[in-house]
Each structure stands twice: as structure tokens, then as C-alpha cells.
């Protein structure tokens, strides 16, 4: 259920919006949410140009990009909760509490993102598609470019060949095997993660994800974006069987 905070909702005295924001800043954060579009990239020039295009076409990103963006701004709180923790999270959060800082908010990954993360690790299928790219493209019309597929394969191989060790998954040209609009959502569900940590746990049979959703310091210093009072951390635990491969290739 969508839990967007409604404009006419009267906050309780002393209440905070999600993310630890003062409710008094809510309308300002609403304006910021419509000024910038997270799919436009993080650079200020890209954001400006993207906002100009959006204002003329009325188009905005949807799906995960918009969900995490509005969650960052404290305008919604309906993302999956991140119940999984990395080995260092407990100590980091304890230090925050001890020093009087706000604890972090932990969010998970969406079911659609989980399928695409599985596909990064699915070197069996991505390797086969690379060897016969033309036929794979005919079978999957929305398959990403061969160059991007090569990057996805190499990323997955690095993760799967080093079990138990965190690896950096770098966005580069994109980590989504398919570039396809899904029920109006943006075509790259992993776009909002950009570069993120990824680890294969063969004993437990799951892939782990860690990331922090934030923006370059420039935005905060220039007061273009508010710095979230409660840090927004993303933690994922995705069941995976490398013998079967990604659900994306089995649907």
C-alpha cells in the first residue's frame, strides 16, 4: 500500500517525518522531489537538463528510482525493510547511538531488483548469450548491448569466483540484463544502486547486497538537497541457486 504523506495530514506535535526530518520542512522536500528526477544522473548539469526535459514532456521516472528517491526525502516509507545486516553494521550503529547520532534506516531491495541481481550472478546464462549474442538477442529482444552484457558477465564471475568476499559491482554502462519498461517502471531497476557491494554466500545459498543511498557532497553544501537526518542504507539477501540460474531466464 502506498504510504505517501498527504498534504492535508496534520502531524502530531513534535512528530518527525520518515527519515528523521522535521515536519516543518515537508513542503520544501515536496518541491525538491518534483524539481529533480533521480533517473537524470547525479551531476548538477545532468539534473538540470533532465528537469527541463521533464517539465516539457511531463515524464518522470517511476518504479525503484522514484521509490528510493521519495524515501530519501522522507515522503514515503513503504520500501521493503532491510532486515539483513553486514558484519560491521552492528558496531557502526552502536557507535552512532553512543555518540548521539541518529541511527540509520535500513531498507531492502524490491522483488524486481532481486531478479536482476540474480542475473548478474548467472554467469552460465550470460556466458552462453555472449557466445551467441545474435541468437540471444533474437530470443530476448530487450537484451542489453553486447558490451554491457560482457561487463555484467565479468562482474558476476568476479562475485561467484570469490565466495565469502565482498566485491564491487560497478554500474558503468548498466547492470540490468534487460532494458525493458515494465508496467510503466524505468527500464533499469538496478539504476538507483549504481555501484554497490555484492557477495556470494554458498553455504547459505544467497547473494548479499550493501549500499548507501546518498548524493555527492556538492548538493548538500549548495543546499540543493537536504542531508537525510537518518542515513539510508540498503541491505539485500537474495536466495540463489547457481545450478538453476536467475528467475529472469526461467520465467
Protein backbone atom coordinates (compact mmCIF):
# COMPACT_ATOMS: atom_id res chain seq x y z
CA UNK A 1 0.00 0.00 0.00
CA UNK A 2 1.32 3.42 -0.91
CA UNK A 3 2.01 5.42 2.22
CA UNK A 4 2.76 8.81 0.72
CA UNK A 5 2.30 11.53 3.31
CA UNK A 6 -0.74 13.53 2.32
CA UNK A 7 -0.61 17.30 2.15
CA UNK A 8 -3.60 17.77 4.45
CA UNK A 9 -2.34 15.32 7.05
CA UNK A 10 -1.90 17.05 10.40
CA UNK A 11 1.28 15.87 12.14
CA UNK A 12 1.26 15.28 15.87
CA UNK A 13 3.10 17.85 17.94
CA UNK A 14 6.82 17.11 17.90
CA UNK A 15 6.38 14.36 15.28
CA UNK A 16 9.02 13.63 12.67
CA UNK A 17 8.56 12.52 9.10
CA UNK A 18 10.23 9.29 7.92
CA UNK A 19 13.98 9.67 7.76
CA UNK A 20 14.03 11.87 10.84
CA UNK A 21 13.06 15.10 9.04
CA UNK A 22 11.31 17.91 10.87
CA UNK A 23 7.73 18.03 9.59
CA UNK A 24 8.15 21.77 9.02
CA UNK A 25 10.39 21.04 6.03
CA UNK A 26 7.86 18.74 4.35
CA UNK A 27 6.60 21.17 1.71
CA UNK A 28 10.14 22.15 0.78
CA UNK A 29 11.01 18.48 0.34
CA UNK A 30 7.91 18.02 -1.81
CA UNK A 31 9.10 20.80 -4.12
CA UNK A 32 12.56 19.24 -4.33
CA UNK A 33 11.03 15.87 -5.19
CA UNK A 34 9.39 17.37 -8.27
CA UNK A 35 12.37 19.54 -9.25
CA UNK A 36 14.84 16.69 -9.57
CA UNK A 37 14.39 13.29 -11.15
CA UNK A 38 16.76 10.60 -9.85
CA UNK A 39 16.98 8.91 -13.25
CA UNK A 40 18.68 12.01 -14.66
CA UNK A 41 22.05 11.23 -13.13
CA UNK A 42 23.80 12.78 -10.16
CA UNK A 43 25.69 15.59 -11.88
CA UNK A 44 24.12 19.04 -11.47
CA UNK A 45 24.17 19.71 -15.23
CA UNK A 46 22.51 16.39 -15.99
CA UNK A 47 19.88 17.03 -13.35
CA UNK A 48 19.14 20.48 -14.72
CA UNK A 49 18.83 19.27 -18.30
CA UNK A 50 16.70 16.32 -17.23
CA UNK A 51 14.37 18.56 -15.25
CA UNK A 52 13.95 20.81 -18.31
CA UNK A 53 13.03 17.79 -20.44
CA UNK A 54 10.62 16.55 -17.79
CA UNK A 55 8.91 19.91 -17.49
CA UNK A 56 8.23 19.95 -21.24
CA UNK A 57 7.19 16.29 -21.60
CA UNK A 58 5.64 15.67 -18.20
CA UNK A 59 7.57 12.39 -17.99
CA UNK A 60 9.29 11.28 -14.82
CA UNK A 61 10.99 8.12 -13.67
CA UNK A 62 8.87 5.58 -11.86
CA UNK A 63 9.38 2.31 -10.08
CA UNK A 64 12.51 1.85 -7.97
CA UNK A 65 14.14 5.15 -8.91
CA UNK A 66 11.18 7.13 -7.64
CA UNK A 67 10.54 4.87 -4.65
CA UNK A 68 14.02 5.28 -3.22
CA UNK A 69 14.14 8.99 -4.10
CA UNK A 70 10.91 9.77 -2.23
CA UNK A 71 12.04 7.55 0.64
CA UNK A 72 15.29 9.50 0.85
CA UNK A 73 13.26 12.72 1.14
CA UNK A 74 11.02 11.27 3.85
CA UNK A 75 7.89 11.43 1.70
CA UNK A 76 7.13 7.73 1.89
CA UNK A 77 8.19 4.72 3.91
CA UNK A 78 6.84 1.68 2.06
CA UNK A 79 10.02 0.11 0.72
CA UNK A 80 10.90 -3.39 1.92
CA UNK A 81 12.75 -3.16 5.22
CA UNK A 82 16.37 -4.26 5.21
CA UNK A 83 16.42 -6.97 7.86
CA UNK A 84 19.76 -8.39 6.73
CA UNK A 85 22.95 -6.85 8.15
CA UNK A 86 26.59 -6.88 7.14
CA UNK A 87 29.21 -7.95 9.67
CA UNK A 88 30.12 -4.36 10.50
CA UNK A 89 26.64 -2.82 10.74
CA UNK A 90 26.05 -3.61 14.41
CA UNK A 91 29.27 -1.89 15.53
CA UNK A 92 28.66 1.14 13.30
CA UNK A 93 25.14 1.62 14.61
CA UNK A 94 26.26 1.16 18.22
CA UNK A 95 28.85 3.91 17.73
CA UNK A 96 26.19 6.20 16.29
CA UNK A 97 23.96 5.73 19.31
CA UNK A 98 26.87 6.20 21.69
CA UNK A 99 27.84 9.49 20.02
CA UNK A 100 24.26 10.80 19.95
CA UNK A 101 23.78 10.44 16.19
CA UNK A 102 20.59 9.24 14.57
CA UNK A 103 20.57 5.51 13.85
CA UNK A 104 20.42 4.50 10.20
CA UNK A 105 17.30 3.42 8.35
CA UNK A 106 17.78 0.04 6.69
CA UNK A 107 15.87 -0.77 3.51
CA UNK A 108 15.90 -3.84 1.32
CA UNK A 109 15.66 -4.48 -2.41
CA UNK A 110 12.44 -4.97 -4.36
CA UNK A 111 11.43 -8.33 -5.91
CA UNK A 112 12.14 -6.94 -9.40
CA UNK A 113 15.62 -5.85 -8.34
CA UNK A 114 16.29 -9.28 -6.81
CA UNK A 115 15.71 -10.99 -10.18
CA UNK A 116 18.16 -8.65 -11.91
CA UNK A 117 20.75 -9.13 -9.16
CA UNK A 118 20.41 -12.89 -9.62
CA UNK A 119 21.02 -12.34 -13.34
CA UNK A 120 24.33 -10.58 -12.61
CA UNK A 121 25.48 -13.73 -10.80
CA UNK A 122 24.11 -16.04 -13.51
CA UNK A 123 27.32 -16.44 -15.50
CA UNK A 124 26.06 -19.69 -17.01
CA UNK A 125 23.31 -17.92 -18.96
CA UNK A 126 25.13 -14.65 -19.60
CA UNK A 127 28.19 -16.56 -20.81
CA UNK A 128 26.07 -18.57 -23.25
CA UNK A 129 24.39 -15.40 -24.53
CA UNK A 130 27.74 -13.73 -25.10
CA UNK A 131 28.96 -16.67 -27.16
CA UNK A 132 25.90 -16.49 -29.38
CA UNK A 133 24.76 -12.92 -28.95
CA UNK A 134 22.73 -12.63 -32.17
CA UNK A 135 20.54 -15.62 -31.34
CA UNK A 136 20.21 -14.46 -27.73
CA UNK A 137 19.10 -11.05 -28.94
CA UNK A 138 16.51 -12.68 -31.17
CA UNK A 139 15.22 -14.69 -28.22
CA UNK A 140 15.30 -11.70 -25.82
CA UNK A 141 14.57 -8.53 -27.85
CA UNK A 142 15.18 -6.35 -24.80
CA UNK A 143 18.61 -7.84 -24.07
CA UNK A 144 21.19 -5.18 -23.24
CA UNK A 145 24.08 -4.40 -25.60
CA UNK A 146 26.85 -6.94 -26.04
CA UNK A 147 29.32 -4.59 -24.36
CA UNK A 148 27.10 -4.21 -21.30
CA UNK A 149 26.45 -7.94 -21.22
CA UNK A 150 30.20 -8.56 -21.19
CA UNK A 151 30.51 -6.22 -18.19
CA UNK A 152 27.65 -7.99 -16.40
CA UNK A 153 29.26 -11.38 -17.04
CA UNK A 154 32.65 -10.22 -15.73
CA UNK A 155 31.02 -8.72 -12.63
CA UNK A 156 29.14 -11.95 -11.92
CA UNK A 157 32.24 -14.05 -12.46
CA UNK A 158 34.20 -11.89 -10.02
CA UNK A 159 31.48 -12.35 -7.38
CA UNK A 160 30.95 -16.09 -7.90
CA UNK A 161 34.67 -16.92 -8.15
CA UNK A 162 35.33 -15.23 -4.79
CA UNK A 163 32.68 -16.62 -2.42
CA UNK A 164 32.51 -15.02 1.01
CA UNK A 165 34.30 -11.88 -0.18
CA UNK A 166 32.66 -8.54 -0.89
CA UNK A 167 33.10 -7.39 -4.49
CA UNK A 168 32.29 -4.04 -6.05
CA UNK A 169 29.61 -4.19 -8.72
CA UNK A 170 30.22 -1.11 -10.87
CA UNK A 171 27.43 0.33 -12.96
CA UNK A 172 29.42 1.53 -15.99
CA UNK A 173 27.01 1.00 -18.91
CA UNK A 174 24.44 -0.65 -16.69
CA UNK A 175 23.99 -3.90 -14.76
CA UNK A 176 20.49 -4.76 -15.96
CA UNK A 177 20.49 -7.65 -18.44
CA UNK A 178 17.23 -6.45 -19.99
CA UNK A 179 16.34 -2.84 -20.81
CA UNK A 180 12.58 -3.04 -20.87
CA UNK A 181 9.80 -0.86 -19.49
CA UNK A 182 7.83 -2.94 -17.02
CA UNK A 183 4.32 -1.69 -16.20
CA UNK A 184 5.49 1.89 -16.61
CA UNK A 185 8.62 1.43 -14.49
CA UNK A 186 12.01 2.65 -15.68
CA UNK A 187 13.84 0.08 -17.76
CA UNK A 188 16.81 -0.41 -15.43
CA UNK A 189 15.73 -1.47 -11.93
CA UNK A 190 19.35 -1.51 -10.71
CA UNK A 191 19.99 2.06 -11.86
CA UNK A 192 19.33 3.54 -8.42
CA UNK A 193 22.03 1.32 -6.88
CA UNK A 194 24.77 2.46 -9.28
CA UNK A 195 27.95 0.97 -7.72
CA UNK A 196 27.23 -1.42 -4.87
CA UNK A 197 28.77 -4.23 -2.82
CA UNK A 198 27.87 -7.81 -3.73
CA UNK A 199 28.84 -11.10 -2.08
CA UNK A 200 28.01 -14.75 -2.72
CA UNK A 201 27.40 -16.95 0.34
CA UNK A 202 27.44 -20.55 -0.99
CA UNK A 203 26.90 -22.12 2.45
CA UNK A 204 23.63 -20.26 2.96
CA UNK A 205 22.68 -20.12 -0.73
CA UNK A 206 22.13 -16.38 -1.06
CA UNK A 207 23.59 -13.25 -2.57
CA UNK A 208 24.19 -10.25 -0.30
CA UNK A 209 23.94 -6.60 -1.29
CA UNK A 210 25.06 -3.49 0.53
CA UNK A 211 24.86 0.14 -0.50
CA UNK A 212 24.16 3.60 0.90
CA UNK A 213 21.66 5.87 -0.83
CA UNK A 214 23.08 9.39 -0.77
CA UNK A 215 24.30 12.16 -3.05
CA UNK A 216 27.59 13.99 -3.69
CA UNK A 217 28.57 16.50 -1.02
CA UNK A 218 28.15 19.31 -3.57
CA UNK A 219 24.37 19.03 -3.32
CA UNK A 220 24.38 19.46 0.44
CA UNK A 221 26.90 22.31 0.52
CA UNK A 222 24.97 24.15 -2.20
CA UNK A 223 21.74 23.48 -0.27
CA UNK A 224 20.17 21.94 -3.36
CA UNK A 225 19.23 18.81 -1.42
CA UNK A 226 18.74 18.17 2.28
CA UNK A 227 21.07 15.76 4.00
CA UNK A 228 18.91 12.98 5.37
CA UNK A 229 18.96 13.04 9.21
CA UNK A 230 18.88 9.24 9.29
CA UNK A 231 21.34 7.64 6.88
CA UNK A 232 19.62 5.46 4.30
CA UNK A 233 21.32 2.08 3.98
CA UNK A 234 20.33 -0.66 1.56
CA UNK A 235 20.88 -4.29 2.52
CA UNK A 236 19.72 -7.25 0.48
CA UNK A 237 19.71 -11.03 0.90
CA UNK A 238 18.59 -12.83 -2.24
CA UNK A 239 18.17 -16.59 -2.41
CA UNK A 240 20.02 -18.02 -5.38
CA UNK A 241 20.75 -21.44 -6.87
CA UNK A 242 23.55 -21.16 -9.48
CA UNK A 243 22.53 -24.52 -10.97
CA UNK A 244 19.10 -23.12 -11.85
CA UNK A 245 20.17 -19.54 -12.57
CA UNK A 246 18.17 -16.34 -12.41
CA UNK A 247 14.40 -16.34 -12.32
CA UNK A 248 14.55 -13.90 -15.23
CA UNK A 249 15.80 -16.68 -17.53
CA UNK A 250 13.31 -19.23 -16.16
CA UNK A 251 10.10 -17.19 -16.50
